[in-house]
């Protein structure tokens, strides 16, 4: 599991694939990190590090890969509550928490805003979660 996380998977995506609850998967990954040995002989390159929050916020908005919560709801043209609902529902899996606030990946926002709609209104979260889990396999 640690090799997959180091390869760029989020714990949420990995937990769904292996059939664990997120908390259990997180505990296993943290235990493997503490053991700090090679992950079963699998050499998976580490994901690119997330730049520091200040470095992200200094970049022009059009060039950023990561958005603050406020910038995310402005970029997606939805309300602030909608973005928080997407976070709570797990529709934005590649989210980092730095300094008490969220950084949201632009690709995740694009995927959610292009997602199928439920009765022409909001995002059909069930269908989108199924797509996320299917693409994680």
N, C-alpha and C. Protein backbone atom coordinates (compact mmCIF):
# COMPACT_ATOMS: atom_id res chain seq x y z
N UNK A 1 0.82 -1.19 0.00
CA UNK A 1 0.00 0.00 0.00
C UNK A 1 0.86 1.25 0.00
N UNK A 2 1.98 1.19 0.73
CA UNK A 2 2.85 2.35 0.77
C UNK A 2 3.42 2.65 -0.60
N UNK A 3 3.74 1.62 -1.37
CA UNK A 3 4.28 1.83 -2.72
C UNK A 3 3.25 2.55 -3.59
N UNK A 4 1.98 2.19 -3.46
CA UNK A 4 0.94 2.84 -4.25
C UNK A 4 0.77 4.29 -3.84
N UNK A 5 0.81 4.57 -2.53
CA UNK A 5 0.70 5.94 -2.05
C UNK A 5 1.90 6.75 -2.53
N UNK A 6 3.08 6.16 -2.45
CA UNK A 6 4.28 6.86 -2.94
C UNK A 6 4.24 7.04 -4.45
N UNK A 7 3.50 6.18 -5.14
CA UNK A 7 3.36 6.29 -6.58
C UNK A 7 2.33 7.32 -7.02
N UNK A 8 1.63 7.94 -6.08
CA UNK A 8 0.71 9.01 -6.42
C UNK A 8 -0.74 8.75 -6.06
N UNK A 9 -1.08 7.56 -5.57
CA UNK A 9 -2.45 7.28 -5.16
C UNK A 9 -2.74 8.02 -3.86
N UNK A 10 -3.98 8.43 -3.69
CA UNK A 10 -4.39 8.96 -2.40
C UNK A 10 -4.88 7.79 -1.55
N UNK A 11 -4.85 7.95 -0.25
CA UNK A 11 -5.30 6.89 0.64
C UNK A 11 -6.79 6.60 0.39
N UNK A 12 -7.57 7.62 0.08
CA UNK A 12 -8.99 7.43 -0.19
C UNK A 12 -9.21 6.54 -1.40
N UNK A 13 -8.47 6.80 -2.49
CA UNK A 13 -8.59 5.98 -3.68
C UNK A 13 -8.14 4.54 -3.40
N UNK A 14 -7.03 4.42 -2.70
CA UNK A 14 -6.47 3.11 -2.41
C UNK A 14 -7.40 2.29 -1.51
N UNK A 15 -7.99 2.94 -0.53
CA UNK A 15 -8.90 2.23 0.38
C UNK A 15 -10.08 1.64 -0.38
N UNK A 16 -10.63 2.40 -1.32
CA UNK A 16 -11.77 1.90 -2.09
C UNK A 16 -11.38 0.69 -2.94
N UNK A 17 -10.18 0.71 -3.48
CA UNK A 17 -9.74 -0.39 -4.35
C UNK A 17 -9.49 -1.67 -3.56
N UNK A 18 -8.84 -1.55 -2.41
CA UNK A 18 -8.49 -2.75 -1.64
C UNK A 18 -9.60 -3.17 -0.68
N UNK A 19 -10.67 -2.40 -0.59
CA UNK A 19 -11.81 -2.80 0.23
C UNK A 19 -11.66 -2.50 1.71
N UNK A 20 -10.90 -1.47 2.03
CA UNK A 20 -10.74 -1.07 3.43
C UNK A 20 -11.44 0.26 3.66
N UNK A 21 -11.74 0.54 4.91
CA UNK A 21 -12.21 1.88 5.25
C UNK A 21 -11.00 2.80 5.19
N UNK A 22 -11.25 4.08 4.94
CA UNK A 22 -10.17 5.04 4.78
C UNK A 22 -9.27 5.07 6.01
N UNK A 23 -9.87 5.02 7.19
CA UNK A 23 -9.11 5.08 8.43
C UNK A 23 -8.16 3.89 8.55
N UNK A 24 -8.64 2.69 8.21
CA UNK A 24 -7.79 1.49 8.29
C UNK A 24 -6.65 1.57 7.28
N UNK A 25 -6.96 2.03 6.07
CA UNK A 25 -5.90 2.16 5.06
C UNK A 25 -4.87 3.18 5.49
N UNK A 26 -5.32 4.27 6.07
CA UNK A 26 -4.40 5.31 6.55
C UNK A 26 -3.49 4.77 7.65
N UNK A 27 -4.06 3.98 8.56
CA UNK A 27 -3.23 3.39 9.62
C UNK A 27 -2.18 2.47 9.05
N UNK A 28 -2.54 1.66 8.06
CA UNK A 28 -1.57 0.74 7.46
C UNK A 28 -0.46 1.49 6.73
N UNK A 29 -0.81 2.54 6.04
CA UNK A 29 0.21 3.33 5.33
C UNK A 29 1.13 4.01 6.34
N UNK A 30 0.56 4.57 7.40
CA UNK A 30 1.40 5.22 8.42
C UNK A 30 2.32 4.22 9.11
N UNK A 31 1.83 3.01 9.36
CA UNK A 31 2.68 1.99 9.96
C UNK A 31 3.84 1.63 9.03
N UNK A 32 3.53 1.51 7.74
CA UNK A 32 4.59 1.20 6.77
C UNK A 32 5.60 2.34 6.68
N UNK A 33 5.15 3.57 6.79
CA UNK A 33 6.09 4.70 6.77
C UNK A 33 7.00 4.68 7.98
N UNK A 34 6.45 4.32 9.14
CA UNK A 34 7.28 4.26 10.35
C UNK A 34 8.31 3.15 10.24
N UNK A 35 7.94 2.05 9.62
CA UNK A 35 8.88 0.94 9.44
C UNK A 35 9.99 1.34 8.47
N UNK A 36 9.69 2.27 7.58
CA UNK A 36 10.61 2.90 6.62
C UNK A 36 11.49 1.92 5.86
N UNK A 37 10.97 0.76 5.57
CA UNK A 37 11.69 -0.18 4.72
C UNK A 37 11.13 -0.11 3.31
N UNK A 38 11.74 -0.83 2.37
CA UNK A 38 11.18 -0.84 1.02
C UNK A 38 9.81 -1.50 1.02
N UNK A 39 8.93 -1.04 0.18
CA UNK A 39 7.57 -1.55 0.13
C UNK A 39 7.52 -2.84 -0.67
N UNK A 40 7.79 -3.96 -0.02
CA UNK A 40 7.73 -5.28 -0.62
C UNK A 40 8.57 -5.39 -1.89
N UNK A 41 9.68 -4.67 -1.94
CA UNK A 41 10.57 -4.76 -3.08
C UNK A 41 10.08 -4.03 -4.31
N UNK A 42 8.98 -3.30 -4.20
CA UNK A 42 8.44 -2.56 -5.33
C UNK A 42 9.05 -1.17 -5.31
N UNK A 43 9.63 -0.79 -6.42
CA UNK A 43 10.24 0.53 -6.51
C UNK A 43 9.33 1.44 -7.33
N UNK A 44 8.51 2.22 -6.65
CA UNK A 44 7.59 3.14 -7.29
C UNK A 44 8.09 4.54 -7.00
N UNK A 45 8.26 5.38 -8.01
CA UNK A 45 8.76 6.72 -7.75
C UNK A 45 7.79 7.52 -6.88
N UNK A 46 8.34 8.37 -6.04
CA UNK A 46 7.53 9.20 -5.16
C UNK A 46 6.78 10.24 -5.98
N UNK A 47 5.58 10.65 -5.53
CA UNK A 47 4.85 11.68 -6.26
C UNK A 47 5.57 13.02 -6.16
N UNK A 48 5.27 13.89 -7.08
CA UNK A 48 5.86 15.22 -7.02
C UNK A 48 5.38 15.93 -5.76
N UNK A 49 6.26 16.59 -5.05
CA UNK A 49 5.83 17.26 -3.83
C UNK A 49 4.92 18.45 -4.13
N UNK A 50 3.99 18.67 -3.23
CA UNK A 50 3.11 19.83 -3.35
C UNK A 50 3.91 21.05 -2.92
N UNK A 51 3.96 22.07 -3.76
CA UNK A 51 4.72 23.26 -3.37
C UNK A 51 4.14 23.89 -2.11
N UNK A 52 4.95 24.65 -1.43
CA UNK A 52 4.46 25.32 -0.22
C UNK A 52 3.35 26.29 -0.57
N UNK A 53 2.46 26.46 0.38
CA UNK A 53 1.27 27.29 0.16
C UNK A 53 1.62 28.69 -0.35
N UNK A 54 2.62 29.31 0.24
CA UNK A 54 2.98 30.66 -0.17
C UNK A 54 3.45 30.68 -1.62
N UNK A 55 4.23 29.67 -2.01
CA UNK A 55 4.71 29.62 -3.39
C UNK A 55 3.55 29.43 -4.36
N UNK A 56 2.53 28.68 -3.96
CA UNK A 56 1.36 28.47 -4.82
C UNK A 56 0.59 29.77 -4.98
N UNK A 57 0.36 30.46 -3.88
CA UNK A 57 -0.46 31.67 -3.93
C UNK A 57 0.22 32.82 -4.66
N UNK A 58 1.54 32.75 -4.83
CA UNK A 58 2.25 33.81 -5.56
C UNK A 58 2.14 33.63 -7.07
N UNK A 59 1.81 32.43 -7.53
CA UNK A 59 1.69 32.18 -8.97
C UNK A 59 0.41 32.82 -9.50
N UNK A 60 0.42 33.24 -10.77
CA UNK A 60 -0.83 33.74 -11.36
C UNK A 60 -1.89 32.65 -11.38
N UNK A 61 -3.12 33.03 -11.23
CA UNK A 61 -4.22 32.08 -11.11
C UNK A 61 -4.32 31.14 -12.31
N UNK A 62 -4.06 31.62 -13.50
CA UNK A 62 -4.17 30.79 -14.70
C UNK A 62 -3.11 29.72 -14.80
N UNK A 63 -1.99 29.85 -14.07
CA UNK A 63 -0.89 28.90 -14.15
C UNK A 63 -0.90 27.88 -13.02
N UNK A 64 -1.78 28.02 -12.09
CA UNK A 64 -1.78 27.16 -10.91
C UNK A 64 -2.39 25.79 -11.17
N UNK A 65 -1.84 24.79 -10.48
CA UNK A 65 -2.44 23.46 -10.46
C UNK A 65 -3.26 23.28 -9.18
N UNK A 66 -3.01 24.08 -8.17
CA UNK A 66 -3.69 23.97 -6.87
C UNK A 66 -4.40 25.28 -6.57
N UNK A 67 -5.61 25.17 -6.00
CA UNK A 67 -6.39 26.35 -5.62
C UNK A 67 -6.73 26.29 -4.14
N UNK A 68 -6.87 27.47 -3.54
CA UNK A 68 -7.45 27.54 -2.20
C UNK A 68 -8.95 27.27 -2.35
N UNK A 69 -9.64 27.09 -1.24
CA UNK A 69 -11.08 26.81 -1.31
C UNK A 69 -11.83 27.95 -1.99
N UNK A 70 -11.49 29.17 -1.63
CA UNK A 70 -12.16 30.33 -2.22
C UNK A 70 -11.92 30.39 -3.73
N UNK A 71 -10.67 30.19 -4.13
CA UNK A 71 -10.36 30.22 -5.55
C UNK A 71 -11.05 29.06 -6.29
N UNK A 72 -11.19 27.93 -5.61
CA UNK A 72 -11.82 26.76 -6.22
C UNK A 72 -13.28 27.05 -6.55
N UNK A 73 -14.02 27.64 -5.60
CA UNK A 73 -15.44 27.88 -5.91
C UNK A 73 -15.60 29.00 -6.92
N UNK A 74 -14.65 29.94 -6.97
CA UNK A 74 -14.71 30.97 -8.00
C UNK A 74 -14.37 30.37 -9.37
N UNK A 75 -13.36 29.49 -9.42
CA UNK A 75 -12.96 28.84 -10.67
C UNK A 75 -14.09 27.96 -11.21
N UNK A 76 -14.73 27.19 -10.31
CA UNK A 76 -15.79 26.26 -10.73
C UNK A 76 -17.14 26.97 -10.91
N UNK A 77 -17.22 28.24 -10.52
CA UNK A 77 -18.44 29.03 -10.64
C UNK A 77 -19.60 28.37 -9.88
N UNK A 78 -19.31 28.00 -8.62
CA UNK A 78 -20.32 27.43 -7.73
C UNK A 78 -20.20 28.15 -6.38
N UNK A 79 -21.09 27.81 -5.46
CA UNK A 79 -21.01 28.45 -4.15
C UNK A 79 -19.93 27.80 -3.29
N UNK A 80 -19.53 28.50 -2.25
CA UNK A 80 -18.53 27.97 -1.32
C UNK A 80 -19.03 26.69 -0.66
N UNK A 81 -20.32 26.65 -0.34
CA UNK A 81 -20.91 25.46 0.29
C UNK A 81 -20.82 24.25 -0.63
N UNK A 82 -20.96 24.48 -1.93
CA UNK A 82 -20.89 23.38 -2.89
C UNK A 82 -19.51 22.73 -2.85
N UNK A 83 -18.45 23.54 -2.83
CA UNK A 83 -17.09 22.99 -2.78
C UNK A 83 -16.89 22.22 -1.48
N UNK A 84 -17.38 22.75 -0.37
CA UNK A 84 -17.26 22.03 0.91
C UNK A 84 -18.04 20.71 0.87
N UNK A 85 -19.20 20.70 0.21
CA UNK A 85 -19.96 19.46 0.06
C UNK A 85 -19.18 18.46 -0.77
N UNK A 86 -18.54 18.92 -1.85
CA UNK A 86 -17.74 18.03 -2.69
C UNK A 86 -16.58 17.43 -1.89
N UNK A 87 -15.97 18.24 -1.03
CA UNK A 87 -14.88 17.74 -0.19
C UNK A 87 -15.40 16.67 0.77
N UNK A 88 -16.53 16.95 1.40
CA UNK A 88 -17.11 16.02 2.37
C UNK A 88 -17.53 14.71 1.71
N UNK A 89 -18.03 14.78 0.48
CA UNK A 89 -18.49 13.59 -0.23
C UNK A 89 -17.35 12.80 -0.85
N UNK A 90 -16.13 13.36 -0.83
CA UNK A 90 -14.98 12.65 -1.41
C UNK A 90 -14.86 12.82 -2.91
N UNK A 91 -15.51 13.82 -3.48
CA UNK A 91 -15.44 14.05 -4.92
C UNK A 91 -14.16 14.77 -5.33
N UNK A 92 -13.44 15.31 -4.37
CA UNK A 92 -12.16 15.97 -4.64
C UNK A 92 -11.08 15.21 -3.88
N UNK A 93 -10.68 14.03 -4.38
CA UNK A 93 -9.80 13.16 -3.60
C UNK A 93 -8.36 13.66 -3.44
N UNK A 94 -7.85 14.43 -4.39
CA UNK A 94 -6.46 14.86 -4.34
C UNK A 94 -6.34 16.21 -3.67
N UNK A 95 -6.85 16.31 -2.47
CA UNK A 95 -6.86 17.55 -1.72
C UNK A 95 -5.82 17.47 -0.62
N UNK A 96 -5.02 18.52 -0.49
CA UNK A 96 -4.05 18.58 0.59
C UNK A 96 -4.49 19.61 1.59
N UNK A 97 -4.15 19.36 2.83
CA UNK A 97 -4.50 20.30 3.88
C UNK A 97 -3.21 20.90 4.40
N UNK A 98 -3.03 22.17 4.13
CA UNK A 98 -1.82 22.86 4.57
C UNK A 98 -2.22 24.06 5.42
N UNK A 99 -1.69 24.12 6.61
CA UNK A 99 -1.94 25.28 7.46
C UNK A 99 -3.40 25.46 7.84
N UNK A 100 -4.16 24.38 7.95
CA UNK A 100 -5.55 24.48 8.38
C UNK A 100 -6.53 24.78 7.27
N UNK A 101 -6.06 24.97 6.04
CA UNK A 101 -6.99 25.20 4.93
C UNK A 101 -6.66 24.22 3.81
N UNK A 102 -7.60 24.08 2.89
CA UNK A 102 -7.47 23.08 1.84
C UNK A 102 -6.79 23.66 0.61
N UNK A 103 -6.05 22.80 -0.09
CA UNK A 103 -5.56 23.08 -1.43
C UNK A 103 -6.19 22.02 -2.33
N UNK A 104 -6.85 22.45 -3.38
CA UNK A 104 -7.63 21.57 -4.23
C UNK A 104 -7.00 21.54 -5.62
N UNK A 105 -6.83 20.34 -6.15
CA UNK A 105 -6.20 20.14 -7.45
C UNK A 105 -7.14 20.57 -8.57
N UNK A 106 -6.61 21.33 -9.53
CA UNK A 106 -7.40 21.83 -10.66
C UNK A 106 -8.03 20.67 -11.45
N UNK A 107 -7.30 19.58 -11.67
CA UNK A 107 -7.84 18.45 -12.44
C UNK A 107 -9.07 17.86 -11.76
N UNK A 108 -9.08 17.82 -10.42
CA UNK A 108 -10.25 17.31 -9.70
C UNK A 108 -11.45 18.24 -9.91
N UNK A 109 -11.21 19.54 -9.85
CA UNK A 109 -12.30 20.50 -10.08
C UNK A 109 -12.86 20.35 -11.49
N UNK A 110 -11.97 20.21 -12.46
CA UNK A 110 -12.42 20.04 -13.84
C UNK A 110 -13.26 18.78 -13.99
N UNK A 111 -12.83 17.69 -13.35
CA UNK A 111 -13.56 16.42 -13.45
C UNK A 111 -14.96 16.56 -12.82
N UNK A 112 -15.04 17.21 -11.67
CA UNK A 112 -16.34 17.35 -10.99
C UNK A 112 -17.27 18.28 -11.77
N UNK A 113 -16.73 19.36 -12.32
CA UNK A 113 -17.62 20.28 -13.06
C UNK A 113 -18.11 19.69 -14.37
N UNK A 114 -17.39 18.69 -14.92
CA UNK A 114 -17.84 18.01 -16.15
C UNK A 114 -18.65 16.75 -15.84
N UNK A 115 -18.88 16.46 -14.59
CA UNK A 115 -19.55 15.23 -14.17
C UNK A 115 -21.03 15.25 -14.56
N UNK A 116 -21.64 14.06 -14.64
CA UNK A 116 -23.08 14.00 -14.94
C UNK A 116 -23.89 14.71 -13.86
N UNK A 117 -24.99 15.29 -14.25
CA UNK A 117 -25.86 16.03 -13.33
C UNK A 117 -27.02 15.16 -12.89
N UNK A 118 -27.49 15.42 -11.69
CA UNK A 118 -28.62 14.70 -11.13
C UNK A 118 -29.86 15.56 -11.30
N UNK A 119 -30.79 15.12 -12.12
CA UNK A 119 -32.03 15.86 -12.42
C UNK A 119 -31.74 17.28 -12.92
N UNK A 120 -30.64 17.45 -13.64
CA UNK A 120 -30.31 18.75 -14.20
C UNK A 120 -29.81 19.77 -13.21
N UNK A 121 -29.61 19.37 -11.96
CA UNK A 121 -29.19 20.35 -10.95
C UNK A 121 -27.76 20.10 -10.53
N UNK A 122 -27.56 19.43 -9.40
CA UNK A 122 -26.23 19.23 -8.86
C UNK A 122 -25.53 18.04 -9.46
N UNK A 123 -24.30 17.85 -9.02
CA UNK A 123 -23.49 16.72 -9.49
C UNK A 123 -24.07 15.42 -8.97
N UNK A 124 -24.16 14.42 -9.83
CA UNK A 124 -24.60 13.09 -9.42
C UNK A 124 -23.42 12.44 -8.72
N UNK A 125 -23.32 12.65 -7.41
CA UNK A 125 -22.14 12.22 -6.65
C UNK A 125 -21.96 10.71 -6.68
N UNK A 126 -23.03 9.97 -6.69
CA UNK A 126 -22.92 8.51 -6.72
C UNK A 126 -22.25 8.04 -8.02
N UNK A 127 -22.69 8.59 -9.15
CA UNK A 127 -22.11 8.21 -10.44
C UNK A 127 -20.66 8.65 -10.52
N UNK A 128 -20.35 9.83 -10.01
CA UNK A 128 -18.98 10.33 -10.07
C UNK A 128 -18.06 9.51 -9.18
N UNK A 129 -18.51 9.15 -7.98
CA UNK A 129 -17.69 8.31 -7.10
C UNK A 129 -17.41 6.96 -7.74
N UNK A 130 -18.41 6.41 -8.45
CA UNK A 130 -18.19 5.14 -9.15
C UNK A 130 -17.13 5.30 -10.22
N UNK A 131 -17.16 6.43 -10.94
CA UNK A 131 -16.13 6.70 -11.97
C UNK A 131 -14.75 6.83 -11.34
N UNK A 132 -14.66 7.54 -10.22
CA UNK A 132 -13.38 7.73 -9.54
C UNK A 132 -12.84 6.38 -9.10
N UNK A 133 -13.68 5.55 -8.51
CA UNK A 133 -13.24 4.24 -8.04
C UNK A 133 -12.86 3.33 -9.20
N UNK A 134 -13.60 3.42 -10.31
CA UNK A 134 -13.28 2.58 -11.47
C UNK A 134 -11.95 3.01 -12.10
N UNK A 135 -11.67 4.31 -12.11
CA UNK A 135 -10.40 4.76 -12.71
C UNK A 135 -9.22 4.47 -11.79
N UNK A 136 -9.47 4.23 -10.51
CA UNK A 136 -8.39 3.94 -9.58
C UNK A 136 -7.93 2.48 -9.66
N UNK A 137 -8.69 1.65 -10.33
CA UNK A 137 -8.34 0.22 -10.42
C UNK A 137 -7.24 0.01 -11.42
